[in-house]
Amino acid sequence: MISDDERLELSKSEGSQSGAFWKIESEYRPGACKATLPPVAEPIEADPPTFEEITSKARVPILIDFWAAWCGPCRMAAPEVQKSAAAMAGRAIVLKVDTERWPELSRRFGVMSIPNFVVMKNGQTVHQQPGLVDHHQMIDWLQRAGA
């Protein structure tokens, strides 16, 4: 269970890809159906508007995976990133940024090689590391950032 301070409610702005929204907490009942949704346990594919929305408003640490489809080590990292998202559901958010589709985000973080992992907390980078790592390392970074 996470504290009220760590709850995240993000409504994607009008004009974004899906109009979906995320809320990180133990229980959430959206809209008229009042169905309970679990915390986000999957990496979120982030385009620039989604990236800005989440990184500017998240109250939990964020792990960002900069990757590309042609990159062998990135493909090897993908299941580790998935495991991290599942393990940290409700305590952190995991984003994936395709460096081929969104090179401006890569430039902003000085990404020179991939995979490249960034951990953010309160809109600030607290850790960045290129290269393949396992989910244990990713989880450790998120926990050190307060997850």
N, C-alpha and C. Protein backbone atom coordinates (compact mmCIF):
# COMPACT_ATOMS: atom_id res chain seq x y z
N MET A 1 0.85 -1.18 0.00
CA MET A 1 0.00 0.00 0.00
C MET A 1 0.89 1.23 0.00
N ILE A 2 0.57 2.19 -0.81
CA ILE A 2 1.36 3.42 -0.88
C ILE A 2 0.62 4.54 -0.17
N SER A 3 1.36 5.53 0.24
CA SER A 3 0.76 6.65 0.97
C SER A 3 0.05 7.59 0.00
N ASP A 4 -0.76 8.48 0.57
CA ASP A 4 -1.47 9.46 -0.25
C ASP A 4 -0.50 10.34 -1.02
N ASP A 5 0.67 10.63 -0.43
CA ASP A 5 1.68 11.46 -1.11
C ASP A 5 2.18 10.82 -2.38
N GLU A 6 2.18 9.49 -2.40
CA GLU A 6 2.75 8.77 -3.53
C GLU A 6 1.73 8.43 -4.61
N ARG A 7 0.50 8.80 -4.41
CA ARG A 7 -0.52 8.50 -5.41
C ARG A 7 -0.33 9.39 -6.62
N LEU A 8 -0.58 8.83 -7.76
CA LEU A 8 -0.38 9.57 -9.00
C LEU A 8 -1.66 9.53 -9.79
N GLU A 9 -2.09 10.69 -10.21
CA GLU A 9 -3.23 10.75 -11.10
C GLU A 9 -2.83 11.61 -12.28
N LEU A 10 -2.85 11.02 -13.43
CA LEU A 10 -2.46 11.73 -14.64
C LEU A 10 -3.54 11.56 -15.68
N SER A 11 -4.10 12.62 -16.13
CA SER A 11 -5.02 12.55 -17.24
C SER A 11 -4.25 12.99 -18.47
N LYS A 12 -4.23 12.14 -19.46
CA LYS A 12 -3.55 12.54 -20.68
C LYS A 12 -4.33 13.70 -21.30
N SER A 13 -3.61 14.69 -21.77
CA SER A 13 -4.24 15.88 -22.31
C SER A 13 -4.95 15.59 -23.63
N GLU A 14 -5.88 16.45 -23.94
CA GLU A 14 -6.61 16.33 -25.18
C GLU A 14 -5.64 16.35 -26.34
N GLY A 15 -5.83 15.48 -27.29
CA GLY A 15 -4.94 15.42 -28.43
C GLY A 15 -3.84 14.39 -28.26
N SER A 16 -3.76 13.73 -27.12
CA SER A 16 -2.75 12.70 -26.95
C SER A 16 -3.24 11.42 -27.59
N GLN A 17 -2.39 10.41 -27.65
CA GLN A 17 -2.66 9.20 -28.41
C GLN A 17 -3.96 8.52 -28.05
N SER A 18 -4.17 8.20 -26.78
CA SER A 18 -5.30 7.33 -26.46
C SER A 18 -6.35 7.97 -25.57
N GLY A 19 -6.04 9.10 -24.96
CA GLY A 19 -6.99 9.68 -24.03
C GLY A 19 -7.08 8.88 -22.73
N ALA A 20 -6.24 7.88 -22.58
CA ALA A 20 -6.24 7.05 -21.38
C ALA A 20 -5.68 7.83 -20.21
N PHE A 21 -5.86 7.30 -19.01
CA PHE A 21 -5.22 7.92 -17.87
C PHE A 21 -4.75 6.86 -16.91
N TRP A 22 -3.75 7.25 -16.11
CA TRP A 22 -3.13 6.34 -15.19
C TRP A 22 -3.31 6.86 -13.78
N LYS A 23 -3.50 5.96 -12.87
CA LYS A 23 -3.54 6.35 -11.47
C LYS A 23 -2.82 5.27 -10.69
N ILE A 24 -1.77 5.65 -10.00
CA ILE A 24 -0.99 4.68 -9.24
C ILE A 24 -1.52 4.69 -7.81
N GLU A 25 -2.18 3.64 -7.45
CA GLU A 25 -2.63 3.44 -6.08
C GLU A 25 -3.18 2.03 -5.97
N SER A 26 -3.53 1.63 -4.79
CA SER A 26 -3.96 0.26 -4.60
C SER A 26 -5.32 -0.01 -5.23
N GLU A 27 -6.16 1.00 -5.33
CA GLU A 27 -7.48 0.80 -5.91
C GLU A 27 -7.93 2.06 -6.61
N TYR A 28 -8.53 1.90 -7.77
CA TYR A 28 -9.03 3.04 -8.53
C TYR A 28 -10.29 2.62 -9.24
N ARG A 29 -11.31 3.44 -9.15
CA ARG A 29 -12.58 3.13 -9.81
C ARG A 29 -12.91 4.26 -10.78
N PRO A 30 -12.60 4.04 -12.08
CA PRO A 30 -12.80 5.09 -13.07
C PRO A 30 -14.23 5.17 -13.58
N GLY A 31 -14.61 6.34 -14.06
CA GLY A 31 -15.83 6.55 -14.82
C GLY A 31 -17.07 5.92 -14.25
N ALA A 32 -18.03 5.72 -15.12
CA ALA A 32 -19.33 5.22 -14.74
C ALA A 32 -19.32 3.75 -14.35
N CYS A 33 -18.39 2.96 -14.90
CA CYS A 33 -18.41 1.53 -14.63
C CYS A 33 -17.93 1.19 -13.23
N LYS A 34 -17.14 2.04 -12.62
CA LYS A 34 -16.63 1.86 -11.26
C LYS A 34 -15.82 0.58 -11.09
N ALA A 35 -15.26 0.05 -12.19
CA ALA A 35 -14.41 -1.15 -12.10
C ALA A 35 -13.09 -0.79 -11.42
N THR A 36 -12.56 -1.71 -10.64
CA THR A 36 -11.29 -1.49 -9.97
C THR A 36 -10.15 -1.82 -10.92
N LEU A 37 -9.19 -0.90 -11.05
CA LEU A 37 -8.02 -1.13 -11.88
C LEU A 37 -6.80 -1.28 -10.98
N PRO A 38 -5.92 -2.22 -11.31
CA PRO A 38 -4.71 -2.40 -10.50
C PRO A 38 -3.68 -1.32 -10.82
N PRO A 39 -2.64 -1.18 -9.99
CA PRO A 39 -1.55 -0.24 -10.31
C PRO A 39 -0.92 -0.63 -11.65
N VAL A 40 -0.28 0.33 -12.30
CA VAL A 40 0.36 0.09 -13.60
C VAL A 40 1.52 -0.87 -13.39
N ALA A 41 1.43 -2.05 -14.01
CA ALA A 41 2.44 -3.09 -13.84
C ALA A 41 3.16 -3.41 -15.14
N GLU A 42 2.99 -2.57 -16.13
CA GLU A 42 3.61 -2.75 -17.44
C GLU A 42 4.36 -1.48 -17.80
N PRO A 43 5.43 -1.60 -18.58
CA PRO A 43 6.08 -0.37 -19.07
C PRO A 43 5.12 0.40 -19.98
N ILE A 44 5.19 1.70 -19.92
CA ILE A 44 4.35 2.57 -20.74
C ILE A 44 5.19 3.09 -21.89
N GLU A 45 4.75 2.85 -23.13
CA GLU A 45 5.43 3.39 -24.31
C GLU A 45 5.14 4.89 -24.33
N ALA A 46 6.18 5.70 -24.25
CA ALA A 46 5.99 7.14 -24.09
C ALA A 46 6.38 7.92 -25.33
N ASP A 47 5.42 8.66 -25.87
CA ASP A 47 5.71 9.66 -26.89
C ASP A 47 6.02 10.96 -26.14
N PRO A 48 6.48 12.01 -26.81
CA PRO A 48 6.84 13.23 -26.07
C PRO A 48 5.73 13.81 -25.18
N PRO A 49 4.47 13.92 -25.65
CA PRO A 49 3.44 14.46 -24.74
C PRO A 49 3.21 13.57 -23.51
N THR A 50 3.18 12.27 -23.70
CA THR A 50 3.00 11.35 -22.58
C THR A 50 4.18 11.45 -21.63
N PHE A 51 5.38 11.50 -22.18
CA PHE A 51 6.59 11.62 -21.38
C PHE A 51 6.54 12.87 -20.51
N GLU A 52 6.19 14.00 -21.11
CA GLU A 52 6.13 15.27 -20.37
C GLU A 52 5.08 15.21 -19.28
N GLU A 53 3.93 14.68 -19.61
CA GLU A 53 2.83 14.59 -18.64
C GLU A 53 3.23 13.76 -17.42
N ILE A 54 3.79 12.60 -17.68
CA ILE A 54 4.14 11.71 -16.57
C ILE A 54 5.32 12.23 -15.78
N THR A 55 6.40 12.63 -16.46
CA THR A 55 7.59 13.04 -15.72
C THR A 55 7.39 14.35 -14.97
N SER A 56 6.47 15.18 -15.40
CA SER A 56 6.26 16.44 -14.70
C SER A 56 5.30 16.31 -13.51
N LYS A 57 4.48 15.26 -13.49
CA LYS A 57 3.47 15.15 -12.44
C LYS A 57 3.60 13.95 -11.52
N ALA A 58 4.45 13.01 -11.86
CA ALA A 58 4.56 11.80 -11.06
C ALA A 58 5.09 12.11 -9.66
N ARG A 59 4.51 11.46 -8.69
CA ARG A 59 4.96 11.60 -7.30
C ARG A 59 5.74 10.38 -6.84
N VAL A 60 5.93 9.46 -7.76
CA VAL A 60 6.72 8.26 -7.49
C VAL A 60 7.91 8.27 -8.44
N PRO A 61 8.98 7.53 -8.13
CA PRO A 61 10.12 7.48 -9.05
C PRO A 61 9.72 6.88 -10.41
N ILE A 62 10.46 7.26 -11.42
CA ILE A 62 10.22 6.80 -12.79
C ILE A 62 11.51 6.20 -13.34
N LEU A 63 11.40 5.01 -13.90
CA LEU A 63 12.50 4.40 -14.63
C LEU A 63 12.20 4.57 -16.11
N ILE A 64 13.15 5.14 -16.84
CA ILE A 64 12.98 5.35 -18.28
C ILE A 64 13.98 4.47 -19.01
N ASP A 65 13.49 3.67 -19.92
CA ASP A 65 14.31 2.79 -20.75
C ASP A 65 14.37 3.40 -22.15
N PHE A 66 15.54 3.93 -22.53
CA PHE A 66 15.76 4.41 -23.89
C PHE A 66 16.25 3.22 -24.71
N TRP A 67 15.56 2.90 -25.79
CA TRP A 67 15.82 1.68 -26.54
C TRP A 67 15.54 1.89 -28.03
N ALA A 68 15.87 0.89 -28.84
CA ALA A 68 15.51 0.85 -30.27
C ALA A 68 15.31 -0.60 -30.67
N ALA A 69 14.45 -0.83 -31.64
CA ALA A 69 14.12 -2.19 -32.08
C ALA A 69 15.32 -2.93 -32.66
N TRP A 70 16.23 -2.23 -33.30
CA TRP A 70 17.40 -2.87 -33.93
C TRP A 70 18.48 -3.24 -32.93
N CYS A 71 18.38 -2.80 -31.70
CA CYS A 71 19.43 -2.95 -30.69
C CYS A 71 19.29 -4.29 -29.95
N GLY A 72 20.26 -5.19 -30.17
CA GLY A 72 20.24 -6.49 -29.51
C GLY A 72 20.21 -6.41 -27.99
N PRO A 73 21.11 -5.64 -27.36
CA PRO A 73 21.06 -5.53 -25.90
C PRO A 73 19.73 -4.93 -25.40
N CYS A 74 19.11 -4.05 -26.20
CA CYS A 74 17.80 -3.50 -25.81
C CYS A 74 16.75 -4.60 -25.78
N ARG A 75 16.79 -5.48 -26.77
CA ARG A 75 15.85 -6.61 -26.80
C ARG A 75 16.09 -7.53 -25.61
N MET A 76 17.36 -7.69 -25.23
CA MET A 76 17.67 -8.51 -24.06
C MET A 76 17.19 -7.84 -22.77
N ALA A 77 17.21 -6.51 -22.73
CA ALA A 77 16.78 -5.77 -21.54
C ALA A 77 15.27 -5.74 -21.39
N ALA A 78 14.53 -5.89 -22.48
CA ALA A 78 13.07 -5.75 -22.44
C ALA A 78 12.40 -6.61 -21.37
N PRO A 79 12.72 -7.91 -21.25
CA PRO A 79 12.06 -8.69 -20.19
C PRO A 79 12.45 -8.22 -18.79
N GLU A 80 13.66 -7.70 -18.64
CA GLU A 80 14.10 -7.19 -17.34
C GLU A 80 13.34 -5.91 -16.98
N VAL A 81 13.10 -5.08 -17.99
CA VAL A 81 12.31 -3.86 -17.78
C VAL A 81 10.88 -4.24 -17.40
N GLN A 82 10.34 -5.24 -18.08
CA GLN A 82 8.99 -5.73 -17.77
C GLN A 82 8.91 -6.24 -16.33
N LYS A 83 9.89 -7.02 -15.92
CA LYS A 83 9.92 -7.55 -14.55
C LYS A 83 9.99 -6.40 -13.53
N SER A 84 10.75 -5.37 -13.86
CA SER A 84 10.86 -4.22 -12.96
C SER A 84 9.51 -3.52 -12.82
N ALA A 85 8.82 -3.33 -13.93
CA ALA A 85 7.51 -2.68 -13.89
C ALA A 85 6.54 -3.48 -13.03
N ALA A 86 6.54 -4.79 -13.22
CA ALA A 86 5.63 -5.65 -12.45
C ALA A 86 5.98 -5.62 -10.96
N ALA A 87 7.26 -5.70 -10.65
CA ALA A 87 7.68 -5.73 -9.25
C ALA A 87 7.43 -4.41 -8.53
N MET A 88 7.49 -3.30 -9.26
CA MET A 88 7.38 -1.98 -8.64
C MET A 88 6.01 -1.34 -8.83
N ALA A 89 5.05 -2.10 -9.34
CA ALA A 89 3.69 -1.58 -9.57
C ALA A 89 3.15 -0.94 -8.29
N GLY A 90 2.69 0.28 -8.42
CA GLY A 90 2.16 1.00 -7.27
C GLY A 90 3.20 1.82 -6.53
N ARG A 91 4.48 1.58 -6.82
CA ARG A 91 5.56 2.31 -6.14
C ARG A 91 6.44 3.08 -7.11
N ALA A 92 6.35 2.77 -8.41
CA ALA A 92 7.16 3.44 -9.42
C ALA A 92 6.45 3.30 -10.77
N ILE A 93 6.89 4.08 -11.73
CA ILE A 93 6.38 4.02 -13.09
C ILE A 93 7.56 3.68 -13.99
N VAL A 94 7.32 2.84 -14.98
CA VAL A 94 8.35 2.49 -15.95
C VAL A 94 7.91 2.95 -17.33
N LEU A 95 8.76 3.77 -17.96
CA LEU A 95 8.51 4.27 -19.31
C LEU A 95 9.51 3.67 -20.27
N LYS A 96 9.08 3.48 -21.52
CA LYS A 96 9.97 3.07 -22.59
C LYS A 96 9.93 4.15 -23.66
N VAL A 97 11.12 4.61 -24.08
CA VAL A 97 11.22 5.64 -25.11
C VAL A 97 11.99 5.07 -26.28
N ASP A 98 11.32 4.97 -27.42
CA ASP A 98 11.95 4.49 -28.65
C ASP A 98 12.81 5.61 -29.22
N THR A 99 14.12 5.42 -29.20
CA THR A 99 15.05 6.47 -29.62
C THR A 99 14.97 6.76 -31.11
N GLU A 100 14.48 5.84 -31.89
CA GLU A 100 14.32 6.06 -33.33
C GLU A 100 13.11 6.95 -33.62
N ARG A 101 12.05 6.76 -32.87
CA ARG A 101 10.82 7.55 -33.07
C ARG A 101 10.88 8.90 -32.38
N TRP A 102 11.58 8.98 -31.25
CA TRP A 102 11.58 10.19 -30.44
C TRP A 102 13.02 10.63 -30.11
N PRO A 103 13.83 10.94 -31.14
CA PRO A 103 15.24 11.30 -30.89
C PRO A 103 15.42 12.55 -30.04
N GLU A 104 14.43 13.44 -30.05
CA GLU A 104 14.56 14.66 -29.24
C GLU A 104 14.61 14.33 -27.75
N LEU A 105 13.92 13.29 -27.32
CA LEU A 105 13.99 12.89 -25.91
C LEU A 105 15.36 12.30 -25.59
N SER A 106 15.90 11.55 -26.52
CA SER A 106 17.26 10.99 -26.33
C SER A 106 18.29 12.10 -26.21
N ARG A 107 18.20 13.09 -27.08
CA ARG A 107 19.14 14.22 -27.03
C ARG A 107 19.02 14.97 -25.71
N ARG A 108 17.81 15.15 -25.25
CA ARG A 108 17.58 15.88 -24.00
C ARG A 108 18.30 15.24 -22.82
N PHE A 109 18.43 13.91 -22.85
CA PHE A 109 19.08 13.18 -21.76
C PHE A 109 20.51 12.78 -22.11
N GLY A 110 21.02 13.27 -23.23
CA GLY A 110 22.40 12.99 -23.61
C GLY A 110 22.66 11.52 -23.88
N VAL A 111 21.65 10.81 -24.38
CA VAL A 111 21.80 9.38 -24.64
C VAL A 111 22.71 9.19 -25.85
N MET A 112 23.86 8.55 -25.62
CA MET A 112 24.84 8.30 -26.68
C MET A 112 24.88 6.81 -27.05
N SER A 113 24.43 5.95 -26.15
CA SER A 113 24.38 4.52 -26.42
C SER A 113 23.15 3.95 -25.74
N ILE A 114 22.66 2.84 -26.30
CA ILE A 114 21.47 2.20 -25.76
C ILE A 114 21.74 0.71 -25.56
N PRO A 115 21.03 0.08 -24.63
CA PRO A 115 20.01 0.68 -23.78
C PRO A 115 20.64 1.70 -22.82
N ASN A 116 19.80 2.64 -22.43
CA ASN A 116 20.22 3.68 -21.50
C ASN A 116 19.07 3.87 -20.52
N PHE A 117 19.38 3.82 -19.26
CA PHE A 117 18.35 3.89 -18.23
C PHE A 117 18.49 5.16 -17.41
N VAL A 118 17.37 5.83 -17.20
CA VAL A 118 17.32 7.05 -16.40
C VAL A 118 16.30 6.84 -15.30
N VAL A 119 16.64 7.27 -14.10
CA VAL A 119 15.68 7.27 -12.99
C VAL A 119 15.43 8.73 -12.64
N MET A 120 14.14 9.09 -12.58
CA MET A 120 13.74 10.45 -12.22
C MET A 120 12.90 10.41 -10.96
N LYS A 121 13.01 11.48 -10.19
CA LYS A 121 12.18 11.67 -9.01
C LYS A 121 11.86 13.16 -8.93
N ASN A 122 10.60 13.49 -8.78
CA ASN A 122 10.16 14.89 -8.70
C ASN A 122 10.66 15.72 -9.88
N GLY A 123 10.63 15.13 -11.08
CA GLY A 123 11.01 15.84 -12.29
C GLY A 123 12.50 15.98 -12.52
N GLN A 124 13.33 15.42 -11.64
CA GLN A 124 14.78 15.55 -11.74
C GLN A 124 15.44 14.18 -11.98
N THR A 125 16.48 14.16 -12.79
CA THR A 125 17.25 12.94 -12.99
C THR A 125 18.07 12.66 -11.73
N VAL A 126 17.92 11.46 -11.18
CA VAL A 126 18.69 11.08 -9.99
C VAL A 126 19.71 9.99 -10.31
N HIS A 127 19.55 9.34 -11.47
CA HIS A 127 20.51 8.31 -11.87
C HIS A 127 20.39 8.10 -13.38
N GLN A 128 21.52 7.86 -14.02
CA GLN A 128 21.52 7.51 -15.44
C GLN A 128 22.67 6.56 -15.70
N GLN A 129 22.37 5.50 -16.47
CA GLN A 129 23.40 4.51 -16.78
C GLN A 129 23.10 3.83 -18.11
N PRO A 130 24.08 3.81 -19.00
CA PRO A 130 23.92 3.03 -20.24
C PRO A 130 24.30 1.58 -19.99
N GLY A 131 23.85 0.71 -20.87
CA GLY A 131 24.25 -0.69 -20.83
C GLY A 131 23.20 -1.60 -20.24
N LEU A 132 23.35 -2.86 -20.57
CA LEU A 132 22.42 -3.89 -20.13
C LEU A 132 22.59 -4.18 -18.63
N VAL A 133 21.49 -4.15 -17.90
CA VAL A 133 21.47 -4.53 -16.48
C VAL A 133 20.24 -5.40 -16.25
N ASP A 134 20.23 -6.11 -15.13
CA ASP A 134 19.07 -6.95 -14.83
C ASP A 134 18.03 -6.18 -14.00
N HIS A 135 16.88 -6.80 -13.82
CA HIS A 135 15.79 -6.14 -13.10
C HIS A 135 16.13 -5.87 -11.64
N HIS A 136 17.00 -6.68 -11.05
CA HIS A 136 17.39 -6.42 -9.67
C HIS A 136 18.08 -5.06 -9.55
N GLN A 137 18.93 -4.75 -10.51
CA GLN A 137 19.61 -3.46 -10.51
C GLN A 137 18.62 -2.31 -10.72
N MET A 138 17.69 -2.49 -11.65
CA MET A 138 16.68 -1.45 -11.92
C MET A 138 15.84 -1.19 -10.67
N ILE A 139 15.42 -2.26 -10.01
CA ILE A 139 14.62 -2.13 -8.79
C ILE A 139 15.43 -1.42 -7.70
N ASP A 140 16.71 -1.75 -7.59
CA ASP A 140 17.57 -1.08 -6.61
C ASP A 140 17.62 0.42 -6.88
N TRP A 141 17.78 0.81 -8.14
CA TRP A 141 17.80 2.25 -8.47
C TRP A 141 16.49 2.92 -8.03
N LEU A 142 15.36 2.26 -8.32
CA LEU A 142 14.06 2.84 -7.97
C LEU A 142 13.89 2.93 -6.45
N GLN A 143 14.33 1.92 -5.75
CA GLN A 143 14.22 1.95 -4.29
C GLN A 143 15.11 3.05 -3.70
N ARG A 144 16.30 3.23 -4.25
CA ARG A 144 17.17 4.31 -3.79
C ARG A 144 16.57 5.68 -4.05
N ALA A 145 15.69 5.74 -5.07
CA ALA A 145 15.02 7.00 -5.40
C ALA A 145 13.75 7.20 -4.56
N GLY A 146 13.44 6.23 -3.71
CA GLY A 146 12.31 6.40 -2.80
C GLY A 146 11.11 5.55 -3.09
N ALA A 147 11.21 4.61 -4.01
CA ALA A 147 10.05 3.74 -4.32
C ALA A 147 9.80 2.75 -3.19
